[in-house]
Amino acid sequence: MKFELTLAFEGDWARLSNEERATFQRAVREHFHPACERRRVDPGLPWPRSLRVKAVEGAPGVWEMTWSFTGPDGRATFEWVEIEGEPGIRWRRIGGHAIFGAP
C-alpha cells in the first residue's frame, strides 16, 4: 500500500525520539499495513483491536490509530486517499493527544 505524508506529519516526525519512530514503524509494518491490505479486499473487516483505530470526532474522513500505550502516548491520524490510481494512506499527524487540536 502506498502512502504520503503531510507537512504537519513531517514536522511532528522530526520531534519524535528515535525510539518513538521505531515503535511507530514496527506497529505499521506488523499490524497497520497488513490490516489496510485486508480492508482493501473487504472494507467490512475490523481493525486490529491493538491499534484502537477509530474516526476522529469533528474531522470527517480522518482516522486515528494508537501505536504506543506506554509513555509517551503515541497516536497518528490518517485518511484514505488515492495515490497513482490505487487506494493509499495519507499520514496527517503523529505524536500524543496534542495532535487532535488539528488532526
N, C-alpha and C. Protein backbone atom coordinates (compact mmCIF):
# COMPACT_ATOMS: atom_id res chain seq x y z
N MET A 1 0.85 -1.17 0.00
CA MET A 1 0.00 0.00 0.00
C MET A 1 0.89 1.23 0.00
N LYS A 2 0.53 2.19 -0.85
CA LYS A 2 1.30 3.42 -0.93
C LYS A 2 0.84 4.39 0.14
N PHE A 3 1.73 5.32 0.48
CA PHE A 3 1.36 6.33 1.46
C PHE A 3 2.04 7.64 1.12
N GLU A 4 1.51 8.70 1.70
CA GLU A 4 2.11 10.01 1.57
C GLU A 4 2.02 10.71 2.92
N LEU A 5 2.81 11.76 3.09
CA LEU A 5 2.89 12.47 4.36
C LEU A 5 2.51 13.92 4.18
N THR A 6 1.82 14.49 5.16
CA THR A 6 1.57 15.92 5.15
C THR A 6 2.79 16.63 5.74
N LEU A 7 2.90 17.92 5.50
CA LEU A 7 3.98 18.70 6.10
C LEU A 7 3.88 18.68 7.62
N ALA A 8 2.64 18.68 8.14
CA ALA A 8 2.46 18.61 9.59
C ALA A 8 3.01 17.30 10.15
N PHE A 9 2.78 16.19 9.45
CA PHE A 9 3.31 14.90 9.88
C PHE A 9 4.84 14.94 9.89
N GLU A 10 5.42 15.49 8.83
CA GLU A 10 6.88 15.56 8.76
C GLU A 10 7.45 16.36 9.92
N GLY A 11 6.80 17.47 10.28
CA GLY A 11 7.26 18.27 11.43
C GLY A 11 7.12 17.51 12.73
N ASP A 12 5.97 16.82 12.89
CA ASP A 12 5.76 16.01 14.09
C ASP A 12 6.81 14.91 14.18
N TRP A 13 7.09 14.27 13.05
CA TRP A 13 8.06 13.16 12.99
C TRP A 13 9.43 13.63 13.47
N ALA A 14 9.82 14.82 13.07
CA ALA A 14 11.13 15.36 13.44
C ALA A 14 11.24 15.55 14.96
N ARG A 15 10.12 15.72 15.64
CA ARG A 15 10.14 15.92 17.10
C ARG A 15 10.09 14.62 17.88
N LEU A 16 9.83 13.50 17.23
CA LEU A 16 9.79 12.20 17.91
C LEU A 16 11.21 11.73 18.21
N SER A 17 11.34 10.94 19.27
CA SER A 17 12.62 10.31 19.58
C SER A 17 12.84 9.15 18.62
N ASN A 18 14.06 8.69 18.53
CA ASN A 18 14.36 7.52 17.69
C ASN A 18 13.56 6.31 18.14
N GLU A 19 13.39 6.16 19.45
CA GLU A 19 12.62 5.03 19.98
C GLU A 19 11.15 5.12 19.56
N GLU A 20 10.58 6.33 19.63
CA GLU A 20 9.19 6.51 19.20
C GLU A 20 9.04 6.21 17.72
N ARG A 21 9.97 6.67 16.91
CA ARG A 21 9.91 6.39 15.47
C ARG A 21 9.95 4.89 15.20
N ALA A 22 10.83 4.19 15.90
CA ALA A 22 10.96 2.74 15.71
C ALA A 22 9.68 2.03 16.14
N THR A 23 9.07 2.48 17.24
CA THR A 23 7.83 1.87 17.71
C THR A 23 6.71 2.06 16.70
N PHE A 24 6.59 3.28 16.14
CA PHE A 24 5.58 3.55 15.12
C PHE A 24 5.82 2.69 13.89
N GLN A 25 7.04 2.65 13.40
CA GLN A 25 7.35 1.87 12.20
C GLN A 25 7.05 0.39 12.40
N ARG A 26 7.34 -0.13 13.57
CA ARG A 26 7.05 -1.53 13.87
C ARG A 26 5.54 -1.78 13.88
N ALA A 27 4.77 -0.87 14.50
CA ALA A 27 3.31 -1.02 14.54
C ALA A 27 2.72 -0.99 13.14
N VAL A 28 3.24 -0.10 12.29
CA VAL A 28 2.73 -0.01 10.91
C VAL A 28 3.09 -1.27 10.14
N ARG A 29 4.33 -1.69 10.24
CA ARG A 29 4.79 -2.86 9.48
C ARG A 29 4.08 -4.14 9.93
N GLU A 30 3.96 -4.34 11.24
CA GLU A 30 3.44 -5.61 11.75
C GLU A 30 1.92 -5.68 11.85
N HIS A 31 1.26 -4.52 12.02
CA HIS A 31 -0.18 -4.56 12.26
C HIS A 31 -0.99 -3.68 11.31
N PHE A 32 -0.59 -2.41 11.17
CA PHE A 32 -1.41 -1.47 10.40
C PHE A 32 -1.42 -1.80 8.91
N HIS A 33 -0.27 -1.97 8.31
CA HIS A 33 -0.20 -2.24 6.88
C HIS A 33 -0.95 -3.52 6.51
N PRO A 34 -0.72 -4.64 7.22
CA PRO A 34 -1.49 -5.84 6.88
C PRO A 34 -3.00 -5.63 7.02
N ALA A 35 -3.43 -4.85 8.03
CA ALA A 35 -4.86 -4.59 8.20
C ALA A 35 -5.39 -3.76 7.03
N CYS A 36 -4.62 -2.80 6.56
CA CYS A 36 -5.04 -1.99 5.40
C CYS A 36 -5.21 -2.87 4.17
N GLU A 37 -4.27 -3.78 3.96
CA GLU A 37 -4.36 -4.67 2.80
C GLU A 37 -5.60 -5.56 2.89
N ARG A 38 -5.91 -6.05 4.08
CA ARG A 38 -7.12 -6.87 4.26
C ARG A 38 -8.37 -6.04 4.00
N ARG A 39 -8.37 -4.79 4.47
CA ARG A 39 -9.54 -3.92 4.30
C ARG A 39 -9.72 -3.47 2.86
N ARG A 40 -8.66 -3.46 2.08
CA ARG A 40 -8.80 -3.16 0.64
C ARG A 40 -9.67 -4.21 -0.02
N VAL A 41 -9.51 -5.46 0.40
CA VAL A 41 -10.28 -6.57 -0.15
C VAL A 41 -11.69 -6.59 0.43
N ASP A 42 -11.81 -6.36 1.73
CA ASP A 42 -13.10 -6.39 2.40
C ASP A 42 -13.17 -5.24 3.42
N PRO A 43 -13.71 -4.07 3.02
CA PRO A 43 -13.77 -2.91 3.93
C PRO A 43 -14.56 -3.16 5.21
N GLY A 44 -15.31 -4.23 5.27
CA GLY A 44 -16.08 -4.53 6.46
C GLY A 44 -15.29 -5.22 7.56
N LEU A 45 -14.08 -5.65 7.23
CA LEU A 45 -13.27 -6.33 8.24
C LEU A 45 -12.87 -5.36 9.35
N PRO A 46 -12.82 -5.84 10.58
CA PRO A 46 -12.45 -4.95 11.68
C PRO A 46 -10.94 -4.66 11.70
N TRP A 47 -10.60 -3.53 12.29
CA TRP A 47 -9.19 -3.20 12.52
C TRP A 47 -8.68 -4.03 13.69
N PRO A 48 -7.38 -4.27 13.77
CA PRO A 48 -6.84 -4.96 14.95
C PRO A 48 -7.16 -4.14 16.21
N ARG A 49 -7.68 -4.79 17.20
CA ARG A 49 -8.05 -4.08 18.43
C ARG A 49 -6.85 -3.41 19.08
N SER A 50 -5.68 -3.96 18.87
CA SER A 50 -4.48 -3.40 19.49
C SER A 50 -4.14 -2.01 18.98
N LEU A 51 -4.67 -1.61 17.82
CA LEU A 51 -4.37 -0.29 17.25
C LEU A 51 -5.41 0.77 17.62
N ARG A 52 -6.56 0.34 18.12
CA ARG A 52 -7.63 1.28 18.50
C ARG A 52 -7.95 2.27 17.38
N VAL A 53 -8.10 1.79 16.17
CA VAL A 53 -8.42 2.67 15.04
C VAL A 53 -9.87 3.10 15.14
N LYS A 54 -10.09 4.41 15.02
CA LYS A 54 -11.45 4.95 15.04
C LYS A 54 -11.47 6.30 14.35
N ALA A 55 -12.66 6.73 13.96
CA ALA A 55 -12.82 8.03 13.31
C ALA A 55 -12.55 9.14 14.32
N VAL A 56 -11.95 10.23 13.84
CA VAL A 56 -11.70 11.39 14.69
C VAL A 56 -12.96 12.24 14.72
N GLU A 57 -13.46 12.51 15.92
CA GLU A 57 -14.67 13.33 16.05
C GLU A 57 -14.43 14.73 15.51
N GLY A 58 -15.38 15.22 14.72
CA GLY A 58 -15.31 16.57 14.20
C GLY A 58 -14.36 16.75 13.03
N ALA A 59 -13.83 15.65 12.50
CA ALA A 59 -12.91 15.72 11.35
C ALA A 59 -13.31 14.63 10.36
N PRO A 60 -14.33 14.88 9.54
CA PRO A 60 -14.82 13.86 8.61
C PRO A 60 -13.71 13.30 7.71
N GLY A 61 -13.66 11.99 7.61
CA GLY A 61 -12.69 11.32 6.76
C GLY A 61 -11.33 11.11 7.40
N VAL A 62 -11.14 11.61 8.62
CA VAL A 62 -9.85 11.47 9.32
C VAL A 62 -10.00 10.38 10.39
N TRP A 63 -9.00 9.52 10.44
CA TRP A 63 -8.97 8.40 11.38
C TRP A 63 -7.78 8.53 12.30
N GLU A 64 -7.86 7.89 13.45
CA GLU A 64 -6.73 7.86 14.36
C GLU A 64 -6.37 6.42 14.68
N MET A 65 -5.12 6.22 15.00
CA MET A 65 -4.66 4.92 15.48
C MET A 65 -3.71 5.15 16.65
N THR A 66 -3.66 4.20 17.54
CA THR A 66 -2.75 4.26 18.67
C THR A 66 -1.60 3.30 18.40
N TRP A 67 -0.39 3.82 18.41
CA TRP A 67 0.77 2.97 18.15
C TRP A 67 1.62 2.76 19.39
N SER A 68 1.31 3.45 20.48
CA SER A 68 2.02 3.23 21.74
C SER A 68 1.10 3.57 22.90
N PHE A 69 1.01 2.65 23.85
CA PHE A 69 0.20 2.87 25.04
C PHE A 69 1.05 3.26 26.24
N THR A 70 2.34 3.12 26.11
CA THR A 70 3.24 3.46 27.21
C THR A 70 3.81 4.84 26.98
N GLY A 71 4.33 5.43 28.02
CA GLY A 71 4.85 6.80 27.90
C GLY A 71 5.98 6.90 26.92
N PRO A 72 5.96 7.92 26.08
CA PRO A 72 4.80 8.77 25.88
C PRO A 72 3.75 8.10 25.01
N ASP A 73 2.53 8.55 25.19
CA ASP A 73 1.39 8.05 24.42
C ASP A 73 1.63 8.33 22.94
N GLY A 74 1.38 7.37 22.07
CA GLY A 74 1.63 7.54 20.64
C GLY A 74 0.38 7.41 19.81
N ARG A 75 0.03 8.46 19.10
CA ARG A 75 -1.14 8.48 18.22
C ARG A 75 -0.72 8.96 16.84
N ALA A 76 -1.48 8.59 15.85
CA ALA A 76 -1.27 9.11 14.49
C ALA A 76 -2.63 9.25 13.84
N THR A 77 -2.78 10.27 13.00
CA THR A 77 -4.01 10.44 12.25
C THR A 77 -3.71 10.20 10.77
N PHE A 78 -4.71 9.72 10.07
CA PHE A 78 -4.54 9.39 8.65
C PHE A 78 -5.87 9.50 7.94
N GLU A 79 -5.82 9.46 6.63
CA GLU A 79 -7.02 9.40 5.81
C GLU A 79 -6.73 8.52 4.61
N TRP A 80 -7.80 7.91 4.10
CA TRP A 80 -7.70 7.12 2.88
C TRP A 80 -7.68 8.08 1.70
N VAL A 81 -6.76 7.87 0.78
CA VAL A 81 -6.67 8.69 -0.43
C VAL A 81 -6.38 7.78 -1.61
N GLU A 82 -6.38 8.36 -2.79
CA GLU A 82 -5.97 7.63 -3.98
C GLU A 82 -4.60 8.15 -4.39
N ILE A 83 -3.66 7.23 -4.58
CA ILE A 83 -2.30 7.58 -4.99
C ILE A 83 -1.99 6.78 -6.25
N GLU A 84 -1.77 7.49 -7.34
CA GLU A 84 -1.48 6.85 -8.63
C GLU A 84 -2.52 5.80 -8.99
N GLY A 85 -3.79 6.13 -8.75
CA GLY A 85 -4.89 5.26 -9.12
C GLY A 85 -5.16 4.11 -8.18
N GLU A 86 -4.47 4.06 -7.04
CA GLU A 86 -4.66 2.97 -6.08
C GLU A 86 -5.01 3.54 -4.71
N PRO A 87 -5.74 2.76 -3.89
CA PRO A 87 -6.01 3.22 -2.53
C PRO A 87 -4.69 3.39 -1.77
N GLY A 88 -4.63 4.45 -0.98
CA GLY A 88 -3.44 4.71 -0.19
C GLY A 88 -3.79 5.41 1.10
N ILE A 89 -2.77 5.69 1.88
CA ILE A 89 -2.91 6.34 3.18
C ILE A 89 -2.14 7.66 3.15
N ARG A 90 -2.79 8.71 3.61
CA ARG A 90 -2.09 9.98 3.84
C ARG A 90 -1.96 10.13 5.36
N TRP A 91 -0.72 10.07 5.83
CA TRP A 91 -0.46 10.29 7.25
C TRP A 91 -0.52 11.79 7.50
N ARG A 92 -1.36 12.20 8.45
CA ARG A 92 -1.61 13.62 8.70
C ARG A 92 -0.82 14.18 9.88
N ARG A 93 -0.88 13.50 11.02
CA ARG A 93 -0.20 13.96 12.24
C ARG A 93 0.31 12.75 13.00
N ILE A 94 1.31 12.97 13.87
CA ILE A 94 1.82 11.91 14.72
C ILE A 94 2.34 12.53 16.01
N GLY A 95 2.09 11.86 17.12
CA GLY A 95 2.56 12.36 18.42
C GLY A 95 1.63 11.89 19.51
N GLY A 96 1.36 12.77 20.48
CA GLY A 96 0.46 12.46 21.59
C GLY A 96 -0.90 13.08 21.35
N HIS A 97 -1.66 13.24 22.43
CA HIS A 97 -3.02 13.78 22.33
C HIS A 97 -3.06 15.19 21.73
N ALA A 98 -1.98 15.93 21.80
CA ALA A 98 -1.95 17.30 21.29
C ALA A 98 -2.27 17.36 19.79
N ILE A 99 -2.04 16.28 19.07
CA ILE A 99 -2.29 16.31 17.62
C ILE A 99 -3.76 16.47 17.28
N PHE A 100 -4.63 16.17 18.25
CA PHE A 100 -6.06 16.25 17.97
C PHE A 100 -6.58 17.68 17.91
N GLY A 101 -5.76 18.67 18.28
CA GLY A 101 -6.15 20.06 18.11
C GLY A 101 -6.26 20.42 16.64
N ALA A 102 -5.47 19.77 15.81
CA ALA A 102 -5.50 19.96 14.35
C ALA A 102 -5.16 18.63 13.70
N PRO A 103 -6.13 17.68 13.70
CA PRO A 103 -5.82 16.31 13.26
C PRO A 103 -5.50 16.23 11.78
